[in-house]
Amino acid sequence: MTDASKPFGEATDADYVRLTTFRRDGTPVSSPVWAVFDEGRLHVWTESGTWKAKRIRHDPHVIVQACDFRGRKLSGEPVDATAGLLDGPGTQRVRRMVNKKYGILAKVITWFRTWRNGEDGTVGIEIRPLTAES
């Protein structure tokens, strides 16, 4: 049974989370991401054109697990979840949360990518854990 305060296990408050998305043929693809837990969900910020965003548009099923910054050293159990892409205001909120959690490095990266790609060139991802009722 999952602890209600940590619905994503160790990934709930990890510095790095391995986000696994799925290609059309079902092949899993994993990448380490910064993630922020807020209001029962994990939030990730990325560029709109990344393959992970494209795969989530096609298939919202994802798996999250705490990892190191390279996505290799895993800890805790993998957690099945559902992901969705956020609108502009949701993306801005995620960007602020990422900047707050990860500090100056995040501020520089999010500013540069937003400047380079425009507001529509980045997207927030909201991840909800699968529940027994889902």
Protein backbone atom coordinates (compact mmCIF):
# COMPACT_ATOMS: atom_id res chain seq x y z
CA MET A 1 0.00 0.00 0.00
CA THR A 2 1.31 3.44 -0.96
CA ASP A 3 1.83 6.09 1.74
CA ALA A 4 -0.73 8.86 1.02
CA SER A 5 1.89 11.55 1.71
CA LYS A 6 4.28 9.94 -0.80
CA PRO A 7 2.11 8.70 -3.68
CA PHE A 8 5.16 8.36 -5.95
CA GLY A 9 7.30 6.60 -3.35
CA GLU A 10 10.88 7.92 -3.25
CA ALA A 11 10.25 9.88 -6.47
CA THR A 12 7.83 12.13 -4.54
CA ASP A 13 10.64 14.28 -3.16
CA ALA A 14 13.70 13.10 -5.10
CA ASP A 15 16.05 15.57 -6.77
CA TYR A 16 15.96 13.55 -9.98
CA VAL A 17 13.22 11.33 -11.33
CA ARG A 18 13.46 8.84 -14.17
CA LEU A 19 10.43 9.47 -16.36
CA THR A 20 9.60 6.54 -18.62
CA THR A 21 7.33 7.18 -21.58
CA PHE A 22 6.31 4.75 -24.31
CA ARG A 23 6.76 4.75 -28.07
CA ARG A 24 3.86 3.79 -30.33
CA ASP A 25 5.18 0.22 -30.48
CA GLY A 26 5.26 0.03 -26.66
CA THR A 27 9.03 0.40 -26.28
CA PRO A 28 9.84 2.22 -23.02
CA VAL A 29 12.10 5.28 -23.19
CA SER A 30 13.49 6.75 -19.97
CA SER A 31 15.02 10.11 -19.21
CA PRO A 32 16.07 11.78 -15.96
CA VAL A 33 14.13 14.96 -15.19
CA TRP A 34 13.71 17.52 -12.46
CA ALA A 35 10.35 17.02 -10.78
CA VAL A 36 8.42 18.97 -8.18
CA PHE A 37 5.70 17.43 -6.00
CA ASP A 38 2.72 19.68 -5.35
CA GLU A 39 -0.93 18.99 -4.49
CA GLY A 40 -0.61 15.23 -4.92
CA ARG A 41 1.04 15.40 -8.34
CA LEU A 42 4.52 15.50 -9.80
CA HIS A 43 5.30 18.35 -12.18
CA VAL A 44 8.00 18.40 -14.86
CA TRP A 45 9.00 21.21 -17.23
CA THR A 46 10.43 20.57 -20.70
CA GLU A 47 10.58 21.92 -24.23
CA SER A 48 7.38 21.33 -26.22
CA GLY A 49 9.17 19.52 -29.04
CA THR A 50 10.95 16.90 -26.94
CA TRP A 51 10.24 13.29 -27.69
CA LYS A 52 8.93 12.75 -24.15
CA ALA A 53 6.27 15.44 -24.73
CA LYS A 54 5.36 13.90 -28.10
CA ARG A 55 5.09 10.42 -26.57
CA ILE A 56 2.87 11.72 -23.73
CA ARG A 57 0.57 13.34 -26.30
CA HIS A 58 0.13 9.89 -27.85
CA ASP A 59 0.13 7.73 -24.70
CA PRO A 60 -0.32 9.28 -21.23
CA HIS A 61 0.93 6.16 -19.38
CA VAL A 62 4.27 6.82 -17.69
CA ILE A 63 6.43 5.26 -14.99
CA VAL A 64 8.38 7.34 -12.47
CA GLN A 65 11.20 6.31 -10.18
CA ALA A 66 13.80 8.19 -8.14
CA CYS A 67 17.24 8.18 -9.76
CA ASP A 68 20.59 9.96 -9.95
CA PHE A 69 21.20 12.89 -12.33
CA ARG A 70 22.06 10.51 -15.18
CA GLY A 71 18.98 8.35 -14.65
CA ARG A 72 21.06 5.27 -13.93
CA LYS A 73 21.20 4.66 -10.18
CA LEU A 74 17.59 3.94 -9.28
CA SER A 75 16.05 3.97 -5.83
CA GLY A 76 12.63 3.06 -4.57
CA GLU A 77 9.97 1.24 -6.53
CA PRO A 78 8.77 2.30 -9.98
CA VAL A 79 5.30 3.89 -9.89
CA ASP A 80 2.78 3.70 -12.73
CA ALA A 81 1.17 7.04 -13.46
CA THR A 82 -0.69 9.13 -16.01
CA ALA A 83 0.81 12.28 -17.51
CA GLY A 84 -0.71 15.23 -19.28
CA LEU A 85 0.62 18.40 -20.88
CA LEU A 86 -0.42 21.69 -19.29
CA ASP A 87 -1.65 24.93 -20.85
CA GLY A 88 0.27 28.23 -20.70
CA PRO A 89 -0.66 29.27 -17.14
CA GLY A 90 -0.01 25.72 -15.89
CA THR A 91 3.37 25.69 -17.60
CA GLN A 92 4.30 29.03 -16.02
CA ARG A 93 3.35 27.67 -12.60
CA VAL A 94 5.52 24.58 -13.13
CA ARG A 95 8.42 26.77 -14.27
CA ARG A 96 8.15 28.82 -11.04
CA MET A 97 8.06 25.64 -8.90
CA VAL A 98 11.11 24.19 -10.70
CA ASN A 99 12.99 27.48 -10.28
CA LYS A 100 12.17 27.55 -6.57
CA LYS A 101 13.25 23.93 -5.94
CA TYR A 102 16.39 23.87 -8.12
CA GLY A 103 17.64 27.44 -7.69
CA ILE A 104 19.92 29.48 -9.91
CA LEU A 105 20.75 26.70 -12.39
CA ALA A 106 17.06 26.12 -13.07
CA LYS A 107 16.42 29.85 -13.40
CA VAL A 108 19.13 30.17 -16.03
CA ILE A 109 17.99 27.09 -17.97
CA THR A 110 14.27 27.93 -17.88
CA TRP A 111 14.93 31.54 -18.85
CA PHE A 112 17.19 30.58 -21.75
CA ARG A 113 14.89 27.90 -23.15
CA THR A 114 11.85 30.15 -22.84
CA TRP A 115 13.76 33.02 -24.48
CA ARG A 116 15.01 30.76 -27.29
CA ASN A 117 11.72 28.92 -27.93
CA GLY A 118 9.12 31.46 -26.77
CA GLU A 119 6.37 30.83 -24.23
CA ASP A 120 4.76 28.17 -26.44
CA GLY A 121 8.09 26.38 -26.89
CA THR A 122 8.04 24.95 -23.37
CA VAL A 123 5.43 22.87 -21.59
CA GLY A 124 4.64 21.71 -18.08
CA ILE A 125 3.82 18.05 -17.53
CA GLU A 126 1.50 17.01 -14.73
CA ILE A 127 1.85 13.43 -13.50
CA ARG A 128 -0.84 11.71 -11.43
CA PRO A 129 -0.35 8.35 -9.74
CA LEU A 130 -2.59 5.52 -10.85
CA THR A 131 -4.93 4.54 -8.05
CA ALA A 132 -6.78 1.33 -7.34
CA GLU A 133 -9.91 3.07 -8.64
CA SER A 134 -8.27 4.05 -11.98
